Structure formats: structure tokens, C-alpha cells
C-alpha atoms as a PDB file:
ATOM      1  CA  UNK A   1       0.000   0.000   0.000  1.00  0.00           C
ATOM      2  CA  UNK A   2       1.304   3.467  -0.907  1.00  0.00           C
ATOM      3  CA  UNK A   3       0.004   6.935  -0.057  1.00  0.00           C
ATOM      4  CA  UNK A   4       1.084   9.484  -2.688  1.00  0.00           C
ATOM      5  CA  UNK A   5       0.956  13.149  -1.691  1.00  0.00           C
ATOM      6  CA  UNK A   6       1.180  15.716  -4.503  1.00  0.00           C
ATOM      7  CA  UNK A   7       2.100  18.920  -2.702  1.00  0.00           C
ATOM      8  CA  UNK A   8       1.767  21.084  -5.791  1.00  0.00           C
ATOM      9  CA  UNK A   9      -1.726  19.897  -6.695  1.00  0.00           C
ATOM     10  CA  UNK A  10      -2.813  19.447  -3.079  1.00  0.00           C
ATOM     11  CA  UNK A  11      -3.928  15.861  -3.723  1.00  0.00           C
ATOM     12  CA  UNK A  12      -3.483  12.596  -1.856  1.00  0.00           C
ATOM     13  CA  UNK A  13      -4.019   9.271  -3.613  1.00  0.00           C
ATOM     14  CA  UNK A  14      -4.038   5.725  -2.276  1.00  0.00           C
ATOM     15  CA  UNK A  15      -2.478   2.845  -4.217  1.00  0.00           C
ATOM     16  CA  UNK A  16      -3.574  -0.426  -2.630  1.00  0.00           C
ATOM     17  CA  UNK A  17      -5.325  -3.695  -3.264  1.00  0.00           C
ATOM     18  CA  UNK A  18      -9.103  -3.371  -3.269  1.00  0.00           C
ATOM     19  CA  UNK A  19      -9.603  -5.008   0.117  1.00  0.00           C
ATOM     20  CA  UNK A  20      -7.386  -2.381   1.766  1.00  0.00           C
ATOM     21  CA  UNK A  21      -8.537   0.724  -0.113  1.00  0.00           C
ATOM     22  CA  UNK A  22     -11.863   1.050   1.753  1.00  0.00           C
ATOM     23  CA  UNK A  23     -10.166   0.683   5.152  1.00  0.00           C
ATOM     24  CA  UNK A  24      -7.552   3.306   4.241  1.00  0.00           C
ATOM     25  CA  UNK A  25     -10.268   5.710   3.103  1.00  0.00           C
ATOM     26  CA  UNK A  26     -12.056   5.362   6.422  1.00  0.00           C
ATOM     27  CA  UNK A  27      -8.835   5.914   8.343  1.00  0.00           C
ATOM     28  CA  UNK A  28      -8.030   9.073   6.389  1.00  0.00           C
ATOM     29  CA  UNK A  29     -11.500  10.505   7.000  1.00  0.00           C
ATOM     30  CA  UNK A  30     -11.375   9.803  10.741  1.00  0.00           C
ATOM     31  CA  UNK A  31     -10.663  12.792  13.036  1.00  0.00           C
ATOM     32  CA  UNK A  32      -7.093  13.094  14.267  1.00  0.00           C
ATOM     33  CA  UNK A  33      -7.061  12.647  18.041  1.00  0.00           C
ATOM     34  CA  UNK A  34      -4.373  12.171  20.596  1.00  0.00           C
ATOM     35  CA  UNK A  35      -1.686  13.800  18.484  1.00  0.00           C
ATOM     36  CA  UNK A  36       1.426  14.242  20.617  1.00  0.00           C
ATOM     37  CA  UNK A  37       3.322  17.483  20.505  1.00  0.00           C
ATOM     38  CA  UNK A  38       6.904  16.759  19.467  1.00  0.00           C
ATOM     39  CA  UNK A  39       9.514  17.470  22.115  1.00  0.00           C
ATOM     40  CA  UNK A  40      12.376  19.828  21.415  1.00  0.00           C
ATOM     41  CA  UNK A  41      15.095  17.942  19.535  1.00  0.00           C
ATOM     42  CA  UNK A  42      18.393  17.932  21.431  1.00  0.00           C
ATOM     43  CA  UNK A  43      21.183  18.536  18.873  1.00  0.00           C
ATOM     44  CA  UNK A  44      23.540  15.515  18.774  1.00  0.00           C
ATOM     45  CA  UNK A  45      27.290  16.080  19.050  1.00  0.00           C
ATOM     46  CA  UNK A  46      29.100  14.353  16.185  1.00  0.00           C
ATOM     47  CA  UNK A  47      32.650  13.120  15.747  1.00  0.00           C
ATOM     48  CA  UNK A  48      34.296  12.319  12.413  1.00  0.00           C
ATOM     49  CA  UNK A  49      35.995   9.044  11.581  1.00  0.00           C
ATOM     50  CA  UNK A  50      38.797  10.954   9.866  1.00  0.00           C
ATOM     51  CA  UNK A  51      40.729  14.028  10.881  1.00  0.00           C
ATOM     52  CA  UNK A  52      41.166  16.696   8.248  1.00  0.00           C
ATOM     53  CA  UNK A  53      44.826  15.757   7.916  1.00  0.00           C
ATOM     54  CA  UNK A  54      44.039  12.044   7.734  1.00  0.00           C
ATOM     55  CA  UNK A  55      41.422  12.573   5.026  1.00  0.00           C
ATOM     56  CA  UNK A  56      43.863  14.664   2.992  1.00  0.00           C
ATOM     57  CA  UNK A  57      46.462  11.895   3.240  1.00  0.00           C
ATOM     58  CA  UNK A  58      43.872   9.473   1.872  1.00  0.00           C
ATOM     59  CA  UNK A  59      43.268  11.888  -1.005  1.00  0.00           C
ATOM     60  CA  UNK A  60      46.988  11.756  -1.782  1.00  0.00           C
ATOM     61  CA  UNK A  61      46.874   7.948  -1.722  1.00  0.00           C
ATOM     62  CA  UNK A  62      43.862   7.977  -4.051  1.00  0.00           C
ATOM     63  CA  UNK A  63      45.726  10.272  -6.450  1.00  0.00           C
ATOM     64  CA  UNK A  64      48.708   7.926  -6.364  1.00  0.00           C
ATOM     65  CA  UNK A  65      46.397   5.118  -7.526  1.00  0.00           C
ATOM     66  CA  UNK A  66      45.209   7.390 -10.333  1.00  0.00           C
ATOM     67  CA  UNK A  67      48.790   8.140 -11.388  1.00  0.00           C
ATOM     68  CA  UNK A  68      49.529   4.406 -11.343  1.00  0.00           C
ATOM     69  CA  UNK A  69      46.640   3.820 -13.766  1.00  0.00           C
ATOM     70  CA  UNK A  70      44.527   1.726 -11.367  1.00  0.00           C
ATOM     71  CA  UNK A  71      41.572   4.145 -11.414  1.00  0.00           C
ATOM     72  CA  UNK A  72      40.701   7.554 -12.780  1.00  0.00           C
ATOM     73  CA  UNK A  73      38.156   8.711 -10.185  1.00  0.00           C
ATOM     74  CA  UNK A  74      37.788   7.646  -6.539  1.00  0.00           C
ATOM     75  CA  UNK A  75      34.670   8.545  -4.546  1.00  0.00           C
ATOM     76  CA  UNK A  76      36.268   8.738  -1.120  1.00  0.00           C
ATOM     77  CA  UNK A  77      33.970   8.926   1.902  1.00  0.00           C
ATOM     78  CA  UNK A  78      34.107   9.454   5.640  1.00  0.00           C
ATOM     79  CA  UNK A  79      31.396   9.352   8.298  1.00  0.00           C
ATOM     80  CA  UNK A  80      30.133  11.507  11.160  1.00  0.00           C
ATOM     81  CA  UNK A  81      28.897   9.561  14.173  1.00  0.00           C
ATOM     82  CA  UNK A  82      27.028  10.431  17.360  1.00  0.00           C
ATOM     83  CA  UNK A  83      25.577   8.635  20.377  1.00  0.00           C
ATOM     84  CA  UNK A  84      22.613  10.197  22.136  1.00  0.00           C
ATOM     85  CA  UNK A  85      20.203   9.028  24.813  1.00  0.00           C
ATOM     86  CA  UNK A  86      17.152  10.716  23.310  1.00  0.00           C
ATOM     87  CA  UNK A  87      16.400  11.292  19.653  1.00  0.00           C
ATOM     88  CA  UNK A  88      13.374  11.342  17.341  1.00  0.00           C
ATOM     89  CA  UNK A  89      14.391  10.342  13.783  1.00  0.00           C
ATOM     90  CA  UNK A  90      11.011  11.231  12.292  1.00  0.00           C
ATOM     91  CA  UNK A  91      11.110  14.691  13.850  1.00  0.00           C
ATOM     92  CA  UNK A  92      14.635  15.080  12.482  1.00  0.00           C
ATOM     93  CA  UNK A  93      13.360  14.098   9.049  1.00  0.00           C
ATOM     94  CA  UNK A  94      10.568  16.683   9.208  1.00  0.00           C
ATOM     95  CA  UNK A  95      13.064  19.383  10.177  1.00  0.00           C
ATOM     96  CA  UNK A  96      15.393  18.317   7.369  1.00  0.00           C
ATOM     97  CA  UNK A  97      12.586  18.410   4.789  1.00  0.00           C
ATOM     98  CA  UNK A  98      11.626  21.944   5.774  1.00  0.00           C
ATOM     99  CA  UNK A  99      15.219  23.230   5.884  1.00  0.00           C
ATOM    100  CA  UNK A 100      16.447  21.482   2.710  1.00  0.00           C
ATOM    101  CA  UNK A 101      13.655  20.238   0.417  1.00  0.00           C
ATOM    102  CA  UNK A 102      14.941  17.575  -1.981  1.00  0.00           C
ATOM    103  CA  UNK A 103      13.276  15.555  -4.755  1.00  0.00           C
ATOM    104  CA  UNK A 104      14.152  12.159  -3.256  1.00  0.00           C
ATOM    105  CA  UNK A 105      13.657  12.891   0.435  1.00  0.00           C
ATOM    106  CA  UNK A 106      12.442   9.833   2.322  1.00  0.00           C
ATOM    107  CA  UNK A 107      11.883   8.438   5.803  1.00  0.00           C
ATOM    108  CA  UNK A 108      12.160   4.705   6.514  1.00  0.00           C
ATOM    109  CA  UNK A 109      11.485   2.662   9.621  1.00  0.00           C
ATOM    110  CA  UNK A 110      13.119  -0.751   9.379  1.00  0.00           C
ATOM    111  CA  UNK A 111      12.933  -2.487  12.736  1.00  0.00           C
ATOM    112  CA  UNK A 112      15.414  -0.795  15.069  1.00  0.00           C
ATOM    113  CA  UNK A 113      16.801   1.335  12.216  1.00  0.00           C
ATOM    114  CA  UNK A 114      15.219   4.590  11.057  1.00  0.00           C
ATOM    115  CA  UNK A 115      16.413   6.585   8.087  1.00  0.00           C
ATOM    116  CA  UNK A 116      15.980  10.321   7.472  1.00  0.00           C
ATOM    117  CA  UNK A 117      17.135  11.339   3.998  1.00  0.00           C
ATOM    118  CA  UNK A 118      17.078  14.512   1.928  1.00  0.00           C
ATOM    119  CA  UNK A 119      18.745  12.976  -1.113  1.00  0.00           C
ATOM    120  CA  UNK A 120      18.711  15.116  -4.279  1.00  0.00           C
ATOM    121  CA  UNK A 121      20.115  12.389  -6.554  1.00  0.00           C
ATOM    122  CA  UNK A 122      18.344   9.871  -8.764  1.00  0.00           C
ATOM    123  CA  UNK A 123      20.139   6.552  -9.152  1.00  0.00           C
ATOM    124  CA  UNK A 124      18.070   4.879 -11.871  1.00  0.00           C
ATOM    125  CA  UNK A 125      14.444   5.153 -12.903  1.00  0.00           C
ATOM    126  CA  UNK A 126      12.458   2.945 -15.265  1.00  0.00           C
ATOM    127  CA  UNK A 127       9.207   4.109 -16.855  1.00  0.00           C
ATOM    128  CA  UNK A 128       6.263   1.856 -17.664  1.00  0.00           C
ATOM    129  CA  UNK A 129       7.300   2.147 -21.331  1.00  0.00           C
ATOM    130  CA  UNK A 130      10.841   0.918 -20.600  1.00  0.00           C
ATOM    131  CA  UNK A 131      12.787   4.195 -20.519  1.00  0.00           C
ATOM    132  CA  UNK A 132      15.845   3.892 -18.282  1.00  0.00           C
ATOM    133  CA  UNK A 133      17.213   7.108 -16.786  1.00  0.00           C
ATOM    134  CA  UNK A 134      20.207   7.859 -14.559  1.00  0.00           C
ATOM    135  CA  UNK A 135      20.984  11.335 -13.188  1.00  0.00           C
ATOM    136  CA  UNK A 136      24.375  11.379 -11.448  1.00  0.00           C
ATOM    137  CA  UNK A 137      25.480  14.334  -9.363  1.00  0.00           C
ATOM    138  CA  UNK A 138      29.134  15.272  -9.348  1.00  0.00           C
ATOM    139  CA  UNK A 139      30.253  18.786  -8.470  1.00  0.00           C
ATOM    140  CA  UNK A 140      29.136  20.833  -5.457  1.00  0.00           C
ATOM    141  CA  UNK A 141      29.297  24.419  -4.230  1.00  0.00           C
ATOM    142  CA  UNK A 142      27.743  25.995  -1.119  1.00  0.00           C
ATOM    143  CA  UNK A 143      25.013  28.622  -1.439  1.00  0.00           C
ATOM    144  CA  UNK A 144      26.173  32.210  -1.094  1.00  0.00           C
ATOM    145  CA  UNK A 145      25.179  34.656   1.649  1.00  0.00           C
ATOM    146  CA  UNK A 146      24.066  37.267  -0.895  1.00  0.00           C
ATOM    147  CA  UNK A 147      22.500  37.043  -4.353  1.00  0.00           C
ATOM    148  CA  UNK A 148      25.718  38.125  -6.052  1.00  0.00           C
ATOM    149  CA  UNK A 149      27.878  35.749  -4.020  1.00  0.00           C
ATOM    150  CA  UNK A 150      25.437  32.930  -4.695  1.00  0.00           C
ATOM    151  CA  UNK A 151      25.525  33.562  -8.443  1.00  0.00           C
ATOM    152  CA  UNK A 152      29.319  33.697  -8.380  1.00  0.00           C
ATOM    153  CA  UNK A 153      29.476  30.281  -6.712  1.00  0.00           C
ATOM    154  CA  UNK A 154      26.991  28.878  -9.215  1.00  0.00           C
ATOM    155  CA  UNK A 155      29.017  30.275 -12.125  1.00  0.00           C
ATOM    156  CA  UNK A 156      32.222  28.915 -10.644  1.00  0.00           C
ATOM    157  CA  UNK A 157      30.734  25.414 -10.554  1.00  0.00           C
ATOM    158  CA  UNK A 158      29.332  25.681 -14.076  1.00  0.00           C
ATOM    159  CA  UNK A 159      32.717  26.689 -15.514  1.00  0.00           C
ATOM    160  CA  UNK A 160      34.967  24.428 -13.420  1.00  0.00           C
ATOM    161  CA  UNK A 161      37.027  22.167 -15.693  1.00  0.00           C
ATOM    162  CA  UNK A 162      37.739  19.824 -12.777  1.00  0.00           C
ATOM    163  CA  UNK A 163      34.079  19.410 -11.813  1.00  0.00           C
ATOM    164  CA  UNK A 164      33.008  18.938 -15.417  1.00  0.00           C
ATOM    165  CA  UNK A 165      35.651  16.239 -15.893  1.00  0.00           C
ATOM    166  CA  UNK A 166      34.498  14.576 -12.667  1.00  0.00           C
ATOM    167  CA  UNK A 167      30.886  14.592 -13.855  1.00  0.00           C
ATOM    168  CA  UNK A 168      31.652  13.448 -17.392  1.00  0.00           C
ATOM    169  CA  UNK A 169      33.698  10.476 -16.172  1.00  0.00           C
ATOM    170  CA  UNK A 170      30.674   9.218 -14.209  1.00  0.00           C
ATOM    171  CA  UNK A 171      28.395   9.915 -17.189  1.00  0.00           C
ATOM    172  CA  UNK A 172      30.618   7.671 -19.290  1.00  0.00           C
ATOM    173  CA  UNK A 173      30.472   4.959 -16.623  1.00  0.00           C
ATOM    174  CA  UNK A 174      26.671   5.104 -16.466  1.00  0.00           C
ATOM    175  CA  UNK A 175      26.347   5.057 -20.244  1.00  0.00           C
ATOM    176  CA  UNK A 176      28.076   1.702 -20.054  1.00  0.00           C
ATOM    177  CA  UNK A 177      25.904   0.528 -17.116  1.00  0.00           C
ATOM    178  CA  UNK A 178      22.661   1.297 -18.961  1.00  0.00           C
ATOM    179  CA  UNK A 179      23.851  -0.124 -22.277  1.00  0.00           C
ATOM    180  CA  UNK A 180      23.973  -3.761 -21.120  1.00  0.00           C
ATOM    181  CA  UNK A 181      20.229  -4.329 -21.521  1.00  0.00           C
ATOM    182  CA  UNK A 182      19.304  -1.403 -23.790  1.00  0.00           C
ATOM    183  CA  UNK A 183      18.381  -1.281 -27.462  1.00  0.00           C
ATOM    184  CA  UNK A 184      21.614  -0.711 -29.418  1.00  0.00           C
ATOM    185  CA  UNK A 185      21.982   2.968 -30.193  1.00  0.00           C
ATOM    186  CA  UNK A 186      19.348   4.091 -27.674  1.00  0.00           C
ATOM    187  CA  UNK A 187      21.783   5.289 -25.001  1.00  0.00           C
ATOM    188  CA  UNK A 188      22.059   9.065 -25.079  1.00  0.00           C
ATOM    189  CA  UNK A 189      23.094  11.913 -22.808  1.00  0.00           C
ATOM    190  CA  UNK A 190      20.103  14.259 -22.770  1.00  0.00           C
ATOM    191  CA  UNK A 191      21.558  16.728 -20.252  1.00  0.00           C
ATOM    192  CA  UNK A 192      25.236  17.299 -19.542  1.00  0.00           C
ATOM    193  CA  UNK A 193      26.685  19.182 -16.562  1.00  0.00           C
ATOM    194  CA  UNK A 194      23.569  21.209 -15.784  1.00  0.00           C
ATOM    195  CA  UNK A 195      23.413  23.145 -12.519  1.00  0.00           C
ATOM    196  CA  UNK A 196      20.634  22.484  -9.995  1.00  0.00           C
ATOM    197  CA  UNK A 197      20.296  24.647  -6.894  1.00  0.00           C
ATOM    198  CA  UNK A 198      19.048  23.451  -3.519  1.00  0.00           C
ATOM    199  CA  UNK A 199      18.639  25.123  -0.142  1.00  0.00           C
ATOM    200  CA  UNK A 200      22.252  24.620   0.949  1.00  0.00           C
ATOM    201  CA  UNK A 201      24.175  23.664  -2.223  1.00  0.00           C
ATOM    202  CA  UNK A 202      24.513  24.041  -5.984  1.00  0.00           C
ATOM    203  CA  UNK A 203      25.029  20.702  -7.779  1.00  0.00           C
ATOM    204  CA  UNK A 204      26.210  19.655 -11.237  1.00  0.00           C
ATOM    205  CA  UNK A 205      23.845  17.052 -12.702  1.00  0.00           C
ATOM    206  CA  UNK A 206      23.695  15.074 -15.954  1.00  0.00           C
ATOM    207  CA  UNK A 207      20.983  12.854 -17.429  1.00  0.00           C
ATOM    208  CA  UNK A 208      21.555   9.588 -19.313  1.00  0.00           C
ATOM    209  CA  UNK A 209      18.615   7.841 -21.022  1.00  0.00           C
ATOM    210  CA  UNK A 210      18.301   4.433 -22.667  1.00  0.00           C
ATOM    211  CA  UNK A 211      15.458   2.261 -23.950  1.00  0.00           C
ATOM    212  CA  UNK A 212      15.213  -1.140 -22.302  1.00  0.00           C
ATOM    213  CA  UNK A 213      15.535  -3.937 -24.859  1.00  0.00           C
ATOM    214  CA  UNK A 214      13.033  -6.261 -23.191  1.00  0.00           C
ATOM    215  CA  UNK A 215      10.722  -5.581 -20.237  1.00  0.00           C
ATOM    216  CA  UNK A 216      11.675  -8.989 -18.850  1.00  0.00           C
ATOM    217  CA  UNK A 217      15.156  -7.538 -18.267  1.00  0.00           C
ATOM    218  CA  UNK A 218      13.988  -4.813 -15.862  1.00  0.00           C
ATOM    219  CA  UNK A 219      15.455  -6.363 -12.713  1.00  0.00           C
ATOM    220  CA  UNK A 220      18.708  -7.243 -14.465  1.00  0.00           C
ATOM    221  CA  UNK A 221      19.055  -3.687 -15.774  1.00  0.00           C
ATOM    222  CA  UNK A 222      18.692  -2.239 -12.274  1.00  0.00           C
ATOM    223  CA  UNK A 223      21.106  -4.835 -10.903  1.00  0.00           C
ATOM    224  CA  UNK A 224      23.653  -4.075 -13.622  1.00  0.00           C
ATOM    225  CA  UNK A 225      23.764  -0.408 -12.624  1.00  0.00           C
ATOM    226  CA  UNK A 226      24.336  -1.137  -8.928  1.00  0.00           C
ATOM    227  CA  UNK A 227      26.184   0.161  -6.969  1.00  0.00           C
ATOM    228  CA  UNK A 228      25.716   3.802  -8.029  1.00  0.00           C
ATOM    229  CA  UNK A 229      28.723   4.861 -10.032  1.00  0.00           C
ATOM    230  CA  UNK A 230      28.615   8.344  -8.520  1.00  0.00           C
ATOM    231  CA  UNK A 231      29.455   6.744  -5.159  1.00  0.00           C
ATOM    232  CA  UNK A 232      32.249   4.431  -6.314  1.00  0.00           C
ATOM    233  CA  UNK A 233      34.230   6.084  -9.062  1.00  0.00           C
ATOM    234  CA  UNK A 234      35.512   4.466 -12.213  1.00  0.00           C
ATOM    235  CA  UNK A 235      36.194   1.825 -13.252  1.00  0.00           C
ATOM    236  CA  UNK A 236      33.944   0.321 -10.607  1.00  0.00           C
ATOM    237  CA  UNK A 237      35.578  -2.939  -9.547  1.00  0.00           C
ATOM    238  CA  UNK A 238      39.181  -1.776  -9.216  1.00  0.00           C
ATOM    239  CA  UNK A 239      38.058   1.488  -7.606  1.00  0.00           C
ATOM    240  CA  UNK A 240      35.929  -0.328  -5.009  1.00  0.00           C
ATOM    241  CA  UNK A 241      38.970  -2.428  -4.080  1.00  0.00           C
ATOM    242  CA  UNK A 242      40.966   0.778  -3.626  1.00  0.00           C
ATOM    243  CA  UNK A 243      38.154   2.323  -1.562  1.00  0.00           C
ATOM    244  CA  UNK A 244      38.013  -0.700   0.721  1.00  0.00           C
ATOM    245  CA  UNK A 245      41.619  -0.083   1.655  1.00  0.00           C
ATOM    246  CA  UNK A 246      41.370   3.722   1.874  1.00  0.00           C
ATOM    247  CA  UNK A 247      38.238   3.551   4.023  1.00  0.00           C
ATOM    248  CA  UNK A 248      39.856   0.998   6.367  1.00  0.00           C
ATOM    249  CA  UNK A 249      37.404  -1.764   5.358  1.00  0.00           C
ATOM    250  CA  UNK A 250      34.613   0.264   6.990  1.00  0.00           C
ATOM    251  CA  UNK A 251      31.187  -0.841   5.793  1.00  0.00           C
ATOM    252  CA  UNK A 252      29.226   2.079   4.373  1.00  0.00           C
ATOM    253  CA  UNK A 253      25.950   0.400   5.278  1.00  0.00           C
ATOM    254  CA  UNK A 254      22.866   2.019   3.753  1.00  0.00           C
ATOM    255  CA  UNK A 255      24.829   5.144   2.823  1.00  0.00           C
ATOM    256  CA  UNK A 256      25.795   5.253  -0.872  1.00  0.00           C
ATOM    257  CA  UNK A 257      23.279   2.513  -1.663  1.00  0.00           C
ATOM    258  CA  UNK A 258      19.839   3.019  -3.192  1.00  0.00           C
ATOM    259  CA  UNK A 259      16.257   3.429  -1.959  1.00  0.00           C
ATOM    260  CA  UNK A 260      13.177   3.344  -4.153  1.00  0.00           C
ATOM    261  CA  UNK A 261      10.194   1.388  -5.369  1.00  0.00           C
ATOM    262  CA  UNK A 262       9.134  -1.166  -7.956  1.00  0.00           C
ATOM    263  CA  UNK A 263       5.673  -0.408  -9.389  1.00  0.00           C
ATOM    264  CA  UNK A 264       3.006  -2.910 -10.443  1.00  0.00           C
ATOM    265  CA  UNK A 265       3.118  -1.403 -13.941  1.00  0.00           C
ATOM    266  CA  UNK A 266       6.812  -2.291 -14.280  1.00  0.00           C
ATOM    267  CA  UNK A 267       8.078   1.177 -13.444  1.00  0.00           C
ATOM    268  CA  UNK A 268      10.763   1.849 -10.850  1.00  0.00           C
ATOM    269  CA  UNK A 269      12.547   4.807  -9.321  1.00  0.00           C
ATOM    270  CA  UNK A 270      15.565   4.681  -7.017  1.00  0.00           C
ATOM    271  CA  UNK A 271      17.580   7.419  -5.371  1.00  0.00           C
ATOM    272  CA  UNK A 272      21.194   7.398  -4.224  1.00  0.00           C
ATOM    273  CA  UNK A 273      21.409   7.377  -0.430  1.00  0.00           C
ATOM    274  CA  UNK A 274      23.262  10.610   0.303  1.00  0.00           C
ATOM    275  CA  UNK A 275      22.511  13.511   2.693  1.00  0.00           C
ATOM    276  CA  UNK A 276      21.101  10.768   4.900  1.00  0.00           C
ATOM    277  CA  UNK A 277      21.010  10.321   8.668  1.00  0.00           C
ATOM    278  CA  UNK A 278      20.919   6.632   9.639  1.00  0.00           C
ATOM    279  CA  UNK A 279      19.576   6.144  13.176  1.00  0.00           C
ATOM    280  CA  UNK A 280      20.042   2.817  14.986  1.00  0.00           C
ATOM    281  CA  UNK A 281      18.171   2.181  18.243  1.00  0.00           C
ATOM    282  CA  UNK A 282      20.474   0.288  20.609  1.00  0.00           C
ATOM    283  CA  UNK A 283      19.438  -2.304  23.172  1.00  0.00           C
ATOM    284  CA  UNK A 284      19.718   0.215  26.028  1.00  0.00           C
ATOM    285  CA  UNK A 285      17.316   2.569  24.254  1.00  0.00           C
ATOM    286  CA  UNK A 286      19.964   5.080  23.149  1.00  0.00           C
ATOM    287  CA  UNK A 287      20.633   6.018  19.522  1.00  0.00           C
ATOM    288  CA  UNK A 288      23.674   5.587  17.291  1.00  0.00           C
ATOM    289  CA  UNK A 289      23.584   8.113  14.457  1.00  0.00           C
ATOM    290  CA  UNK A 290      25.701   8.167  11.316  1.00  0.00           C
ATOM    291  CA  UNK A 291      25.998  10.603   8.424  1.00  0.00           C
ATOM    292  CA  UNK A 292      28.126   9.494   5.462  1.00  0.00           C
ATOM    293  CA  UNK A 293      29.917  12.188   3.477  1.00  0.00           C
ATOM    294  CA  UNK A 294      32.437  12.270   0.660  1.00  0.00           C
ATOM    295  CA  UNK A 295      33.438  13.409  -2.785  1.00  0.00           C
ATOM    296  CA  UNK A 296      35.104  12.335  -5.995  1.00  0.00           C
ATOM    297  CA  UNK A 297      38.891  12.488  -6.103  1.00  0.00           C
ATOM    298  CA  UNK A 298      40.568  13.037  -9.472  1.00  0.00           C
ATOM    299  CA  UNK A 299      44.128  13.790 -10.527  1.00  0.00           C
ATOM    300  CA  UNK A 300      43.304  17.522 -10.359  1.00  0.00           C
ATOM    301  CA  UNK A 301      41.703  17.442  -6.904  1.00  0.00           C
ATOM    302  CA  UNK A 302      42.859  20.010  -4.363  1.00  0.00           C
ATOM    303  CA  UNK A 303      42.846  18.359  -0.908  1.00  0.00           C
ATOM    304  CA  UNK A 304      41.599  21.473   0.890  1.00  0.00           C
ATOM    305  CA  UNK A 305      38.766  21.939  -1.599  1.00  0.00           C
ATOM    306  CA  UNK A 306      37.775  18.298  -1.204  1.00  0.00           C
ATOM    307  CA  UNK A 307      37.665  18.580   2.589  1.00  0.00           C
ATOM    308  CA  UNK A 308      35.637  21.785   2.316  1.00  0.00           C
ATOM    309  CA  UNK A 309      33.196  19.930   0.048  1.00  0.00           C
ATOM    310  CA  UNK A 310      32.717  17.248   2.706  1.00  0.00           C
ATOM    311  CA  UNK A 311      31.783  19.985   5.192  1.00  0.00           C
ATOM    312  CA  UNK A 312      29.470  21.664   2.673  1.00  0.00           C
ATOM    313  CA  UNK A 313      27.587  18.421   2.080  1.00  0.00           C
ATOM    314  CA  UNK A 314      26.950  18.033   5.814  1.00  0.00           C
ATOM    315  CA  UNK A 315      25.206  21.390   6.184  1.00  0.00           C
ATOM    316  CA  UNK A 316      21.719  20.375   5.015  1.00  0.00           C
ATOM    317  CA  UNK A 317      21.372  17.617   7.607  1.00  0.00           C
ATOM    318  CA  UNK A 318      23.370  19.096  10.497  1.00  0.00           C
ATOM    319  CA  UNK A 319      21.903  22.597  10.389  1.00  0.00           C
ATOM    320  CA  UNK A 320      18.362  21.220  10.323  1.00  0.00           C
ATOM    321  CA  UNK A 321      18.839  19.308  13.597  1.00  0.00           C
ATOM    322  CA  UNK A 322      20.888  22.043  15.266  1.00  0.00           C
ATOM    323  CA  UNK A 323      24.253  20.266  15.058  1.00  0.00           C
ATOM    324  CA  UNK A 324      27.518  21.410  13.510  1.00  0.00           C
ATOM    325  CA  UNK A 325      30.468  19.797  11.799  1.00  0.00           C
ATOM    326  CA  UNK A 326      33.023  18.642  14.394  1.00  0.00           C
ATOM    327  CA  UNK A 327      36.175  20.732  14.546  1.00  0.00           C
ATOM    328  CA  UNK A 328      38.737  18.760  16.521  1.00  0.00           C
ATOM    329  CA  UNK A 329      37.892  15.149  15.915  1.00  0.00           C
ATOM    330  CA  UNK A 330      38.877  11.984  14.152  1.00  0.00           C
ATOM    331  CA  UNK A 331      40.016   8.563  15.238  1.00  0.00           C
ATOM    332  CA  UNK A 332      41.766   7.554  12.049  1.00  0.00           C
ATOM    333  CA  UNK A 333      44.595   9.770  10.899  1.00  0.00           C
ATOM    334  CA  UNK A 334      46.485   7.192   8.842  1.00  0.00           C
END
């Protein structure tokens, strides 16, 4: 059963089997009683797995692998972590949605794990007619404090040779991913290095389309594209081996994976799990929070710029819940 809310049109629709639809309609028409006022959210205090210096050393190691010819783009990540006695993941999600609206925002409750995401990035979608679409994001700038400063940052991203190269390398990777089960000649780049602006960042986004060769191949096509190339780098296999070493064999968990749906009409839409707070309820009732962050490292990457990008990407989530990026932190400075 799915409830679809169209905020622009002001409509709510129910997608369910017939035996459930009547019950859902009655529930929606019932008066809301006993609604609990949300308590004030206590801002968690985060630490970072890597120090600034340690992360920059990993950037240098990634660039060495590039110079050796083992990869040409490495999507290096780190993670912010916090432990807190009291936390409300759904309240955090609501605050995040208001502060930083995003097209693939989602909240999940999976047993003792709750997920609050304001992801702006599509992984892969599939229309009922068999159109495959990927929209990787590579290239980020913060929003400016004034209109002129904001436009300058947007222009800087749009004209950055490094960011364009970073984006185009992932576009090439995804062209290959979508081609495996597509009609020959149907793979095309319909948008290249466009700039999309969100509440806290400007992003560089491209669109790759392809026509699925056979609807029976839908699941295989989605599987072939996983994991998201924008979160690994290229080529995928050798780069993931490099990342396993650079990230100290740390499991990324849900972060950098995909969340979405498979429709009864054969359609599908999945987002990349970024800008996402993963909240695990521990046996003592406390919460373990994690926020994955990272960026693509290329031969032209400037270590300070890459670290600043990590901080920029944290703003949407951290500012919404009243937290800030840790200053003096890090347990891994290798």
C-alpha cells in the first residue's frame, strides 16, 4: 500500500489492493485525536571518523592510484557519528525536509533502524514504457550569503574544468551501465553538466537515457547499474577495491546505496542514499547516528577543496537538527 501526496496539486491518492482501499479511506477521513506534541530535539554532538589531515592523506593515496593507472576517479567517503540518549528520527526528518527540500527525500522505519534522507540524486528510474534514466550528481558548491555571491558560486561550478571532468567520467560509466540491456543505439546523454540549486548547495547534474531492450530484463538492468557509479568512481571494480583499503574496510551500510520502489506497472525509481542520517536504536534505548559524506577524487583534486566539500555536504542535515560539523575530531589519521 502506498500513499502518494502531490504537494503542488494538493492531492493525496491511495495505491492499494481493493480489500485495503476502503479501510484506508475510512482511516483518512477519521478525526485526528491524541496527536502528541513533538519534544524539542536535542542537537547531537558528532565526531568524524577521519581528521582533516588524515582525510587529505587518503586523497593523496587515491591520487597515487590514479597516477599508477589503477583508477581515474575515486569517490572517497568518511562518516560523522554520534551517540545520544534521546532522539526522534522522524522529527529530524521533518526538520530536514523543511530546511532542505529535496526531490528524493524519504523516511524509513526498518525495525530498530530509522532513516531520514534529503537525497537530491536519482540513481536509476524505469518508466512503464521501458525508458531507463540515470541522473548522477558530481560537483558541489555551497550557497552564497548574498545574491551576487550565490551567483558567483553557481558560475564557478558551471565553468569548473575539474568538476566537469568529474561529472563526465561518471556519465561515461553510467552510459556503459545502462547499455547492457538497452536497445543498441538508444543510449544518449540528454543533459550534460547542468546546474541544480538546492537550499544549501549548488550541484552539477547530468541525465543519461536508454530504452530497455526487453521488459523482462527490468530487474537485471537495475542490478547491472548497482552500486551507483557516482558513489564508487571508475572503473567500478578496481576502484571499489581501492576504496576498501582507503576507508579501512569500513562498511558504508545504507549510505551510498539506493532506496526506491518497484511499481506494479513495471516502473521503478531509485535514489542514491546521500545527505542521509541513519539512526540505529540500541538495546539500552539510546541512539547511534551516522551521516556518510564524501566526494570524488581526481588527478586535479585540491585536498583542501575536497575537505571543504565534505563539510558543505553536511550542512543540510546538520543545520536542520541544530548540530555542527566537528572541529577537533577523528580517530583515524592514517
